[in-house]
Amino acid sequence: MNRGGGRGGGRGGKKNHKGKRRQFTDEDELREQVQKAEKEKAWRKQQGIESDEEEEEEKEDKDAARARNRDMPPSESESETDSEEEEEKPKGVSHLIEVANPNRTGAKSAKKVTELGDKPASGNLSRREREELEKQEARRRYQALHAAGKTEEAQADLARLAIIRKQREEAAKKKEEEKKAKEALAASKKGKS
């Protein structure tokens, strides 16, 4: 009676799509495989059998093994092969040819719109960058006009401020008159007593 729901697995843990349990390779076994591959490579070099294709395949295998063992410190043999690979001279003219992939953007070429500043050369900017620069320029012009009081919004604000000033002045006068009236009333009461 399987009540685990859906895919059979029950108490046995998760199973892969073929119904088998997962098998993990331990670190020692991986090291042994790498050492075995290196010994085979050395034997092939002694025999003069190895070709360029086999070297590339072995490099790919090593890269895959390193990707699996990122958390493990590299063994002595791995660090030696790394230094050997770095010291190898490039073959052919591939190191002389510079390949530029237009779909790949480098960190040097990517700039933010804010970093561009006010550059007049708008021919090399993208549409979005041009629009962003135009927006910033329009906002700056509007703020300058607004500060000068030439925009409709600024004129409406100034009119509103004038009305508020008048109301405050009238309220201040009213308070002052009430204060004088109270003082006069208090003085008249003192004089009668």
N, C-alpha and C. Protein backbone atom coordinates (compact mmCIF):
# COMPACT_ATOMS: atom_id res chain seq x y z
N MET A 1 0.85 -1.17 0.00
CA MET A 1 0.00 0.00 0.00
C MET A 1 0.90 1.24 0.00
N ASN A 2 0.92 1.95 -1.09
CA ASN A 2 1.80 3.11 -1.24
C ASN A 2 0.98 4.38 -1.04
N ARG A 3 1.23 5.08 0.04
CA ARG A 3 0.51 6.32 0.32
C ARG A 3 1.41 7.53 0.13
N GLY A 4 2.62 7.32 -0.40
CA GLY A 4 3.60 8.38 -0.57
C GLY A 4 3.17 9.39 -1.61
N GLY A 5 2.25 9.04 -2.45
CA GLY A 5 1.73 9.99 -3.44
C GLY A 5 2.57 10.02 -4.69
N GLY A 6 1.94 9.68 -5.80
CA GLY A 6 2.60 9.84 -7.09
C GLY A 6 3.64 8.80 -7.37
N ARG A 7 4.85 9.23 -7.58
CA ARG A 7 5.94 8.35 -7.99
C ARG A 7 6.32 7.41 -6.86
N GLY A 8 6.46 6.20 -7.20
CA GLY A 8 6.82 5.22 -6.19
C GLY A 8 8.20 5.50 -5.64
N GLY A 9 8.37 5.43 -4.46
CA GLY A 9 9.63 5.67 -3.81
C GLY A 9 9.48 5.22 -2.39
N GLY A 10 8.30 5.44 -1.88
CA GLY A 10 7.96 5.01 -0.55
C GLY A 10 8.98 5.45 0.48
N ARG A 11 9.46 4.50 1.25
CA ARG A 11 10.40 4.82 2.30
C ARG A 11 11.84 4.78 1.81
N GLY A 12 12.06 4.28 0.65
CA GLY A 12 13.41 4.07 0.17
C GLY A 12 14.14 5.32 -0.24
N GLY A 13 13.51 6.46 -0.15
CA GLY A 13 14.17 7.69 -0.56
C GLY A 13 13.84 8.01 -2.01
N LYS A 14 14.42 9.06 -2.49
CA LYS A 14 14.13 9.48 -3.86
C LYS A 14 14.88 8.59 -4.84
N LYS A 15 14.24 8.36 -5.96
CA LYS A 15 14.86 7.56 -7.01
C LYS A 15 14.88 8.38 -8.29
N ASN A 16 15.83 8.06 -9.15
CA ASN A 16 15.88 8.81 -10.39
C ASN A 16 14.84 8.26 -11.37
N HIS A 17 14.82 8.79 -12.57
CA HIS A 17 13.77 8.46 -13.51
C HIS A 17 13.80 7.00 -13.97
N LYS A 18 14.89 6.31 -13.77
CA LYS A 18 14.97 4.91 -14.19
C LYS A 18 14.60 3.97 -13.05
N GLY A 19 14.32 4.52 -11.91
CA GLY A 19 13.93 3.69 -10.79
C GLY A 19 15.09 3.19 -9.97
N LYS A 20 16.28 3.66 -10.26
CA LYS A 20 17.45 3.23 -9.51
C LYS A 20 17.82 4.29 -8.49
N ARG A 21 18.57 3.86 -7.50
CA ARG A 21 19.05 4.81 -6.50
C ARG A 21 20.21 5.62 -7.08
N ARG A 22 20.41 6.78 -6.53
CA ARG A 22 21.51 7.63 -6.99
C ARG A 22 22.83 7.07 -6.47
N GLN A 23 23.84 7.16 -7.31
CA GLN A 23 25.15 6.68 -6.92
C GLN A 23 26.13 7.84 -7.01
N PHE A 24 26.81 8.10 -5.92
CA PHE A 24 27.76 9.20 -5.87
C PHE A 24 29.17 8.66 -5.82
N THR A 25 30.06 9.31 -6.57
CA THR A 25 31.46 8.90 -6.58
C THR A 25 32.18 9.64 -5.46
N ASP A 26 32.96 8.92 -4.67
CA ASP A 26 33.65 9.57 -3.58
C ASP A 26 34.94 10.23 -4.07
N GLU A 27 35.52 11.07 -3.24
CA GLU A 27 36.69 11.87 -3.62
C GLU A 27 37.90 11.01 -3.98
N ASP A 28 38.13 9.94 -3.20
CA ASP A 28 39.29 9.09 -3.45
C ASP A 28 39.22 8.45 -4.83
N GLU A 29 38.03 8.02 -5.19
CA GLU A 29 37.86 7.38 -6.50
C GLU A 29 38.12 8.37 -7.63
N LEU A 30 37.65 9.60 -7.44
CA LEU A 30 37.89 10.63 -8.45
C LEU A 30 39.39 10.92 -8.60
N ARG A 31 40.09 11.01 -7.48
CA ARG A 31 41.53 11.25 -7.54
C ARG A 31 42.23 10.11 -8.28
N GLU A 32 41.82 8.89 -7.99
CA GLU A 32 42.43 7.73 -8.66
C GLU A 32 42.21 7.81 -10.17
N GLN A 33 40.99 8.22 -10.59
CA GLN A 33 40.70 8.33 -12.01
C GLN A 33 41.60 9.38 -12.67
N VAL A 34 41.79 10.50 -12.01
CA VAL A 34 42.63 11.56 -12.56
C VAL A 34 44.07 11.08 -12.67
N GLN A 35 44.58 10.40 -11.63
CA GLN A 35 45.95 9.90 -11.66
C GLN A 35 46.12 8.85 -12.75
N LYS A 36 45.14 8.01 -12.93
CA LYS A 36 45.19 6.97 -13.97
C LYS A 36 45.25 7.63 -15.36
N ALA A 37 44.44 8.68 -15.56
CA ALA A 37 44.43 9.38 -16.84
C ALA A 37 45.78 10.04 -17.10
N GLU A 38 46.39 10.60 -16.04
CA GLU A 38 47.70 11.23 -16.21
C GLU A 38 48.77 10.20 -16.56
N LYS A 39 48.71 9.03 -15.93
CA LYS A 39 49.67 7.98 -16.24
C LYS A 39 49.53 7.53 -17.69
N GLU A 40 48.30 7.39 -18.14
CA GLU A 40 48.06 7.01 -19.54
C GLU A 40 48.61 8.07 -20.48
N LYS A 41 48.42 9.33 -20.12
CA LYS A 41 48.91 10.42 -20.97
C LYS A 41 50.44 10.38 -21.06
N ALA A 42 51.10 10.16 -19.91
CA ALA A 42 52.56 10.08 -19.90
C ALA A 42 53.04 8.90 -20.74
N TRP A 43 52.35 7.77 -20.65
CA TRP A 43 52.73 6.59 -21.43
C TRP A 43 52.58 6.87 -22.92
N ARG A 44 51.47 7.56 -23.29
CA ARG A 44 51.25 7.89 -24.71
C ARG A 44 52.34 8.84 -25.22
N LYS A 45 52.75 9.79 -24.38
CA LYS A 45 53.80 10.71 -24.80
C LYS A 45 55.11 9.96 -25.03
N GLN A 46 55.38 8.99 -24.16
CA GLN A 46 56.60 8.21 -24.33
C GLN A 46 56.55 7.40 -25.63
N GLN A 47 55.37 6.88 -25.93
CA GLN A 47 55.21 6.07 -27.14
C GLN A 47 55.05 6.95 -28.39
N GLY A 48 54.75 8.25 -28.21
CA GLY A 48 54.57 9.14 -29.35
C GLY A 48 53.22 8.95 -30.02
N ILE A 49 52.21 8.53 -29.29
CA ILE A 49 50.89 8.23 -29.87
C ILE A 49 49.96 9.43 -29.81
N GLU A 50 50.09 10.27 -28.84
CA GLU A 50 49.08 11.29 -28.54
C GLU A 50 48.97 12.33 -29.67
N SER A 51 47.72 12.75 -29.94
CA SER A 51 47.46 13.76 -30.96
C SER A 51 46.78 14.96 -30.30
N ASP A 52 46.57 16.02 -31.08
CA ASP A 52 45.96 17.24 -30.56
C ASP A 52 44.54 16.99 -30.07
N GLU A 53 43.78 16.18 -30.80
CA GLU A 53 42.40 15.90 -30.41
C GLU A 53 42.33 15.21 -29.06
N GLU A 54 43.25 14.28 -28.82
CA GLU A 54 43.25 13.58 -27.55
C GLU A 54 43.60 14.52 -26.41
N GLU A 55 44.51 15.47 -26.65
CA GLU A 55 44.86 16.44 -25.63
C GLU A 55 43.66 17.30 -25.27
N GLU A 56 42.93 17.74 -26.29
CA GLU A 56 41.76 18.56 -26.03
C GLU A 56 40.71 17.78 -25.26
N GLU A 57 40.51 16.51 -25.61
CA GLU A 57 39.54 15.69 -24.89
C GLU A 57 39.95 15.53 -23.43
N GLU A 58 41.24 15.32 -23.20
CA GLU A 58 41.71 15.15 -21.82
C GLU A 58 41.54 16.43 -21.02
N LYS A 59 41.79 17.58 -21.66
CA LYS A 59 41.60 18.85 -20.97
C LYS A 59 40.14 19.02 -20.58
N GLU A 60 39.24 18.66 -21.50
CA GLU A 60 37.82 18.76 -21.19
C GLU A 60 37.45 17.83 -20.06
N ASP A 61 38.02 16.62 -20.05
CA ASP A 61 37.75 15.67 -18.96
C ASP A 61 38.25 16.23 -17.63
N LYS A 62 39.43 16.83 -17.64
CA LYS A 62 39.98 17.39 -16.42
C LYS A 62 39.13 18.56 -15.93
N ASP A 63 38.70 19.39 -16.88
CA ASP A 63 37.85 20.51 -16.49
C ASP A 63 36.55 20.03 -15.86
N ALA A 64 35.98 18.97 -16.43
CA ALA A 64 34.75 18.41 -15.87
C ALA A 64 35.00 17.84 -14.49
N ALA A 65 36.15 17.18 -14.31
CA ALA A 65 36.48 16.61 -13.00
C ALA A 65 36.69 17.73 -11.98
N ARG A 66 37.32 18.84 -12.40
CA ARG A 66 37.53 19.97 -11.48
C ARG A 66 36.20 20.61 -11.12
N ALA A 67 35.30 20.69 -12.08
CA ALA A 67 33.99 21.28 -11.80
C ALA A 67 33.25 20.45 -10.75
N ARG A 68 33.41 19.13 -10.80
CA ARG A 68 32.76 18.28 -9.80
C ARG A 68 33.44 18.41 -8.45
N ASN A 69 34.73 18.70 -8.43
CA ASN A 69 35.50 18.71 -7.19
C ASN A 69 35.93 20.12 -6.79
N ARG A 70 35.08 21.09 -6.95
CA ARG A 70 35.45 22.47 -6.64
C ARG A 70 35.77 22.64 -5.16
N ASP A 71 35.08 21.90 -4.31
CA ASP A 71 35.31 22.08 -2.88
C ASP A 71 36.56 21.35 -2.40
N MET A 72 37.13 20.47 -3.24
CA MET A 72 38.34 19.73 -2.84
C MET A 72 39.57 20.55 -3.20
N PRO A 73 40.59 20.53 -2.35
CA PRO A 73 41.83 21.20 -2.73
C PRO A 73 42.52 20.41 -3.83
N PRO A 74 43.18 21.09 -4.77
CA PRO A 74 43.82 20.37 -5.87
C PRO A 74 44.99 19.52 -5.36
N SER A 75 45.09 18.33 -5.94
CA SER A 75 46.20 17.46 -5.55
C SER A 75 47.48 17.97 -6.20
N GLU A 76 48.62 17.39 -5.82
CA GLU A 76 49.89 17.85 -6.35
C GLU A 76 49.96 17.67 -7.86
N SER A 77 49.46 16.54 -8.34
CA SER A 77 49.55 16.26 -9.77
C SER A 77 48.69 17.24 -10.57
N GLU A 78 47.53 17.64 -10.02
CA GLU A 78 46.68 18.59 -10.73
C GLU A 78 47.34 19.95 -10.82
N SER A 79 47.99 20.40 -9.73
CA SER A 79 48.61 21.72 -9.76
C SER A 79 49.79 21.73 -10.73
N GLU A 80 50.50 20.59 -10.86
CA GLU A 80 51.60 20.52 -11.82
C GLU A 80 51.09 20.62 -13.24
N THR A 81 49.99 19.93 -13.54
CA THR A 81 49.46 19.97 -14.91
C THR A 81 48.92 21.36 -15.22
N ASP A 82 48.39 22.06 -14.22
CA ASP A 82 47.91 23.42 -14.46
C ASP A 82 49.05 24.31 -14.90
N SER A 83 50.19 24.22 -14.21
CA SER A 83 51.32 25.07 -14.57
C SER A 83 51.88 24.67 -15.94
N GLU A 84 51.82 23.37 -16.27
CA GLU A 84 52.30 22.93 -17.58
C GLU A 84 51.41 23.49 -18.69
N GLU A 85 50.11 23.49 -18.46
CA GLU A 85 49.18 23.99 -19.48
C GLU A 85 49.39 25.49 -19.69
N GLU A 86 49.67 26.23 -18.63
CA GLU A 86 49.86 27.66 -18.77
C GLU A 86 51.17 27.99 -19.51
N GLU A 87 52.18 27.13 -19.36
CA GLU A 87 53.47 27.40 -19.99
C GLU A 87 53.50 26.97 -21.45
N GLU A 88 52.52 26.19 -21.90
CA GLU A 88 52.53 25.71 -23.29
C GLU A 88 52.42 26.88 -24.25
N LYS A 89 53.13 26.77 -25.37
CA LYS A 89 53.07 27.81 -26.37
C LYS A 89 51.84 27.58 -27.24
N PRO A 90 51.18 28.66 -27.67
CA PRO A 90 50.01 28.48 -28.53
C PRO A 90 50.43 27.90 -29.88
N LYS A 91 49.58 27.05 -30.41
CA LYS A 91 49.87 26.41 -31.70
C LYS A 91 49.16 27.16 -32.82
N GLY A 92 49.82 27.28 -33.92
CA GLY A 92 49.20 27.92 -35.09
C GLY A 92 49.11 29.42 -34.92
N VAL A 93 48.13 30.00 -35.61
CA VAL A 93 47.96 31.45 -35.58
C VAL A 93 46.73 31.86 -34.78
N SER A 94 46.14 30.92 -34.04
CA SER A 94 44.91 31.23 -33.31
C SER A 94 45.13 32.33 -32.27
N HIS A 95 46.33 32.42 -31.71
CA HIS A 95 46.59 33.46 -30.71
C HIS A 95 46.74 34.84 -31.35
N LEU A 96 46.94 34.90 -32.66
CA LEU A 96 47.10 36.18 -33.36
C LEU A 96 45.77 36.75 -33.82
N ILE A 97 44.79 35.88 -34.01
CA ILE A 97 43.49 36.32 -34.52
C ILE A 97 42.62 36.73 -33.36
N GLU A 98 42.09 37.94 -33.44
CA GLU A 98 41.21 38.43 -32.39
C GLU A 98 39.77 38.24 -32.84
N VAL A 99 39.03 37.46 -32.10
CA VAL A 99 37.65 37.17 -32.45
C VAL A 99 36.74 38.08 -31.65
N ALA A 100 35.85 38.78 -32.32
CA ALA A 100 34.92 39.68 -31.64
C ALA A 100 33.51 39.18 -31.87
N ASN A 101 32.87 38.74 -30.82
CA ASN A 101 31.49 38.28 -30.89
C ASN A 101 30.59 39.47 -30.58
N PRO A 102 29.78 39.90 -31.54
CA PRO A 102 28.93 41.07 -31.30
C PRO A 102 27.85 40.82 -30.25
N ASN A 103 27.52 39.57 -30.00
CA ASN A 103 26.49 39.25 -29.01
C ASN A 103 27.05 39.24 -27.60
N ARG A 104 28.36 39.17 -27.48
CA ARG A 104 28.97 39.13 -26.16
C ARG A 104 29.43 40.52 -25.79
N THR A 105 28.91 41.04 -24.68
CA THR A 105 29.28 42.38 -24.25
C THR A 105 30.30 42.26 -23.14
N GLY A 106 31.37 42.98 -23.29
CA GLY A 106 32.41 42.97 -22.27
C GLY A 106 32.11 43.99 -21.19
N ALA A 107 32.78 43.88 -20.07
CA ALA A 107 32.55 44.79 -18.95
C ALA A 107 33.04 46.20 -19.28
N LYS A 108 34.03 46.30 -20.17
CA LYS A 108 34.58 47.61 -20.50
C LYS A 108 33.64 48.42 -21.37
N SER A 109 32.89 47.74 -22.26
CA SER A 109 32.04 48.48 -23.19
C SER A 109 30.69 48.85 -22.58
N ALA A 110 30.28 48.18 -21.52
CA ALA A 110 28.98 48.45 -20.92
C ALA A 110 29.08 49.68 -20.03
N LYS A 111 28.31 50.72 -20.36
CA LYS A 111 28.31 51.94 -19.56
C LYS A 111 26.87 52.29 -19.21
N LYS A 112 26.71 52.88 -18.05
CA LYS A 112 25.39 53.34 -17.65
C LYS A 112 25.14 54.70 -18.27
N VAL A 113 23.87 55.05 -18.38
CA VAL A 113 23.51 56.33 -18.97
C VAL A 113 24.03 57.46 -18.10
N THR A 114 24.04 57.26 -16.80
CA THR A 114 24.51 58.32 -15.91
C THR A 114 26.00 58.56 -16.06
N GLU A 115 26.75 57.54 -16.49
CA GLU A 115 28.19 57.68 -16.67
C GLU A 115 28.53 58.40 -17.97
N LEU A 116 27.60 58.41 -18.91
CA LEU A 116 27.88 59.00 -20.21
C LEU A 116 28.01 60.52 -20.12
N GLY A 117 27.23 61.16 -19.25
CA GLY A 117 27.31 62.61 -19.10
C GLY A 117 26.65 63.31 -20.27
N ASP A 118 27.06 64.53 -20.54
CA ASP A 118 26.50 65.32 -21.62
C ASP A 118 27.41 65.26 -22.83
N LYS A 119 27.45 64.15 -23.50
CA LYS A 119 28.28 64.01 -24.69
C LYS A 119 27.45 64.36 -25.92
N PRO A 120 27.95 65.23 -26.77
CA PRO A 120 27.19 65.63 -27.95
C PRO A 120 27.16 64.55 -29.02
N ALA A 121 28.05 63.58 -28.97
CA ALA A 121 28.10 62.54 -30.00
C ALA A 121 26.97 61.54 -29.75
N SER A 122 25.79 61.84 -30.30
CA SER A 122 24.64 60.97 -30.07
C SER A 122 24.55 59.90 -31.16
N GLY A 123 25.45 59.89 -32.09
CA GLY A 123 25.40 58.91 -33.16
C GLY A 123 25.73 57.51 -32.69
N ASN A 124 26.53 57.38 -31.65
CA ASN A 124 26.92 56.06 -31.20
C ASN A 124 26.08 55.58 -30.01
N LEU A 125 25.07 56.33 -29.61
CA LEU A 125 24.21 55.92 -28.49
C LEU A 125 23.03 55.11 -29.00
N SER A 126 22.54 54.23 -28.15
CA SER A 126 21.35 53.47 -28.52
C SER A 126 20.12 54.35 -28.36
N ARG A 127 19.02 53.86 -28.85
CA ARG A 127 17.77 54.63 -28.80
C ARG A 127 17.39 54.91 -27.35
N ARG A 128 17.48 53.91 -26.49
CA ARG A 128 17.11 54.09 -25.09
C ARG A 128 18.01 55.11 -24.40
N GLU A 129 19.31 55.04 -24.69
CA GLU A 129 20.24 56.00 -24.08
C GLU A 129 19.94 57.41 -24.55
N ARG A 130 19.66 57.56 -25.87
CA ARG A 130 19.32 58.89 -26.39
C ARG A 130 18.07 59.43 -25.72
N GLU A 131 17.04 58.57 -25.60
CA GLU A 131 15.79 59.01 -24.97
C GLU A 131 16.02 59.40 -23.52
N GLU A 132 16.85 58.64 -22.81
CA GLU A 132 17.14 58.96 -21.42
C GLU A 132 17.86 60.30 -21.31
N LEU A 133 18.83 60.54 -22.20
CA LEU A 133 19.53 61.83 -22.18
C LEU A 133 18.58 62.98 -22.52
N GLU A 134 17.68 62.76 -23.48
CA GLU A 134 16.72 63.80 -23.83
C GLU A 134 15.78 64.09 -22.67
N LYS A 135 15.37 63.03 -21.95
CA LYS A 135 14.52 63.22 -20.77
C LYS A 135 15.22 64.06 -19.72
N GLN A 136 16.49 63.72 -19.46
CA GLN A 136 17.24 64.46 -18.45
C GLN A 136 17.41 65.93 -18.84
N GLU A 137 17.69 66.17 -20.11
CA GLU A 137 17.86 67.54 -20.60
C GLU A 137 16.55 68.32 -20.49
N ALA A 138 15.43 67.68 -20.86
CA ALA A 138 14.12 68.34 -20.77
C ALA A 138 13.78 68.64 -19.31
N ARG A 139 14.09 67.71 -18.41
CA ARG A 139 13.81 67.91 -16.99
C ARG A 139 14.64 69.09 -16.45
N ARG A 140 15.89 69.18 -16.88
CA ARG A 140 16.76 70.27 -16.44
C ARG A 140 16.23 71.63 -16.94
N ARG A 141 15.82 71.66 -18.22
CA ARG A 141 15.26 72.91 -18.77
C ARG A 141 13.99 73.31 -18.04
N TYR A 142 13.12 72.34 -17.76
CA TYR A 142 11.86 72.62 -17.08
C TYR A 142 12.12 73.17 -15.67
N GLN A 143 13.09 72.57 -14.97
CA GLN A 143 13.40 73.05 -13.62
C GLN A 143 13.94 74.48 -13.65
N ALA A 144 14.74 74.78 -14.68
CA ALA A 144 15.26 76.14 -14.80
C ALA A 144 14.12 77.13 -15.05
N LEU A 145 13.20 76.79 -15.95
CA LEU A 145 12.06 77.66 -16.23
C LEU A 145 11.16 77.77 -14.99
N HIS A 146 10.98 76.68 -14.29
CA HIS A 146 10.13 76.67 -13.10
C HIS A 146 10.72 77.58 -12.02
N ALA A 147 12.04 77.51 -11.87
CA ALA A 147 12.70 78.36 -10.87
C ALA A 147 12.56 79.84 -11.25
N ALA A 148 12.54 80.13 -12.54
CA ALA A 148 12.39 81.51 -13.00
C ALA A 148 10.93 81.96 -12.95
N GLY A 149 10.00 81.02 -12.74
CA GLY A 149 8.57 81.36 -12.65
C GLY A 149 7.91 81.52 -14.00
N LYS A 150 8.44 80.88 -15.02
CA LYS A 150 7.90 81.05 -16.36
C LYS A 150 6.97 79.92 -16.78
N THR A 151 6.88 78.86 -16.02
CA THR A 151 5.98 77.76 -16.40
C THR A 151 4.60 78.01 -15.80
N GLU A 152 3.58 77.37 -16.36
CA GLU A 152 2.22 77.52 -15.87
C GLU A 152 2.10 77.05 -14.43
N GLU A 153 2.77 75.95 -14.14
CA GLU A 153 2.72 75.39 -12.78
C GLU A 153 3.34 76.36 -11.79
N ALA A 154 4.47 76.97 -12.17
CA ALA A 154 5.13 77.93 -11.28
C ALA A 154 4.25 79.15 -11.06
N GLN A 155 3.60 79.63 -12.13
CA GLN A 155 2.73 80.80 -12.00
C GLN A 155 1.53 80.49 -11.11
N ALA A 156 1.00 79.26 -11.23
CA ALA A 156 -0.12 78.87 -10.37
C ALA A 156 0.34 78.79 -8.91
N ASP A 157 1.55 78.26 -8.71
CA ASP A 157 2.09 78.16 -7.35
C ASP A 157 2.29 79.56 -6.75
N LEU A 158 2.82 80.49 -7.56
CA LEU A 158 3.05 81.85 -7.07
C LEU A 158 1.72 82.54 -6.73
N ALA A 159 0.70 82.31 -7.55
CA ALA A 159 -0.61 82.89 -7.27
C ALA A 159 -1.17 82.32 -5.97
N ARG A 160 -1.03 81.02 -5.78
CA ARG A 160 -1.49 80.37 -4.56
C ARG A 160 -0.74 80.92 -3.35
N LEU A 161 0.57 81.12 -3.50
CA LEU A 161 1.35 81.68 -2.40
C LEU A 161 0.91 83.10 -2.07
N ALA A 162 0.60 83.88 -3.08
CA ALA A 162 0.14 85.26 -2.85
C ALA A 162 -1.17 85.25 -2.06
N ILE A 163 -2.07 84.36 -2.43
CA ILE A 163 -3.35 84.27 -1.71
C ILE A 163 -3.12 83.87 -0.26
N ILE A 164 -2.24 82.91 -0.05
CA ILE A 164 -1.95 82.45 1.32
C ILE A 164 -1.31 83.57 2.14
N ARG A 165 -0.41 84.34 1.53
CA ARG A 165 0.22 85.46 2.25
C ARG A 165 -0.83 86.48 2.69
N LYS A 166 -1.78 86.80 1.77
CA LYS A 166 -2.83 87.75 2.12
C LYS A 166 -3.66 87.23 3.29
N GLN A 167 -4.01 85.93 3.22
CA GLN A 167 -4.81 85.36 4.29
C GLN A 167 -4.06 85.42 5.61
N ARG A 168 -2.78 85.16 5.60
CA ARG A 168 -1.98 85.19 6.83
C ARG A 168 -1.86 86.62 7.37
N GLU A 169 -1.67 87.57 6.46
CA GLU A 169 -1.60 88.97 6.89
C GLU A 169 -2.91 89.40 7.53
N GLU A 170 -4.04 89.03 6.89
CA GLU A 170 -5.35 89.38 7.45
C GLU A 170 -5.55 88.72 8.80
N ALA A 171 -5.12 87.45 8.93
CA ALA A 171 -5.27 86.75 10.20
C ALA A 171 -4.40 87.41 11.27
N ALA A 172 -3.18 87.84 10.89
CA ALA A 172 -2.29 88.51 11.84
C ALA A 172 -2.90 89.85 12.29
N LYS A 173 -3.47 90.60 11.35
CA LYS A 173 -4.13 91.89 11.70
C LYS A 173 -5.30 91.64 12.64
N LYS A 174 -6.07 90.63 12.34
CA LYS A 174 -7.23 90.30 13.16
C LYS A 174 -6.80 89.96 14.59
N LYS A 175 -5.74 89.17 14.72
CA LYS A 175 -5.23 88.80 16.04
C LYS A 175 -4.77 90.02 16.80
N GLU A 176 -4.07 90.90 16.09
CA GLU A 176 -3.55 92.10 16.72
C GLU A 176 -4.70 92.97 17.21
N GLU A 177 -5.75 93.10 16.39
CA GLU A 177 -6.92 93.90 16.79
C GLU A 177 -7.59 93.28 18.00
N GLU A 178 -7.72 91.95 18.01
CA GLU A 178 -8.33 91.27 19.15
C GLU A 178 -7.49 91.47 20.40
N LYS A 179 -6.18 91.44 20.26
CA LYS A 179 -5.26 91.63 21.39
C LYS A 179 -5.43 93.05 21.96
N LYS A 180 -5.50 94.03 21.04
CA LYS A 180 -5.68 95.42 21.48
C LYS A 180 -7.02 95.59 22.17
N ALA A 181 -8.03 94.92 21.63
CA ALA A 181 -9.37 95.02 22.23
C ALA A 181 -9.36 94.42 23.64
N LYS A 182 -8.69 93.31 23.81
CA LYS A 182 -8.60 92.68 25.13
C LYS A 182 -7.84 93.57 26.10
N GLU A 183 -6.74 94.17 25.63
CA GLU A 183 -5.96 95.06 26.49
C GLU A 183 -6.79 96.27 26.89
N ALA A 184 -7.55 96.79 25.94
CA ALA A 184 -8.39 97.96 26.23
C ALA A 184 -9.47 97.58 27.24
N LEU A 185 -10.05 96.39 27.08
CA LEU A 185 -11.08 95.91 28.00
C LEU A 185 -10.47 95.70 29.39
N ALA A 186 -9.28 95.13 29.43
CA ALA A 186 -8.61 94.91 30.71
C ALA A 186 -8.26 96.24 31.37
N ALA A 187 -7.83 97.21 30.59
CA ALA A 187 -7.47 98.54 31.13
C ALA A 187 -8.72 99.25 31.65
N SER A 188 -9.84 99.10 30.95
CA SER A 188 -11.08 99.74 31.39
C SER A 188 -11.61 99.11 32.68
N LYS A 189 -11.41 97.80 32.81
CA LYS A 189 -11.83 97.13 34.03
C LYS A 189 -10.97 97.56 35.21
N LYS A 190 -9.67 97.76 34.98
CA LYS A 190 -8.76 98.20 36.06
C LYS A 190 -9.10 99.63 36.47
N GLY A 191 -9.47 100.42 35.47
CA GLY A 191 -9.77 101.82 35.76
C GLY A 191 -11.06 101.96 36.56
N LYS A 192 -12.03 101.09 36.38
CA LYS A 192 -13.30 101.14 37.09
C LYS A 192 -13.15 100.62 38.51
N SER A 193 -12.24 99.74 38.73
CA SER A 193 -12.15 99.18 40.05
C SER A 193 -11.41 99.98 41.02
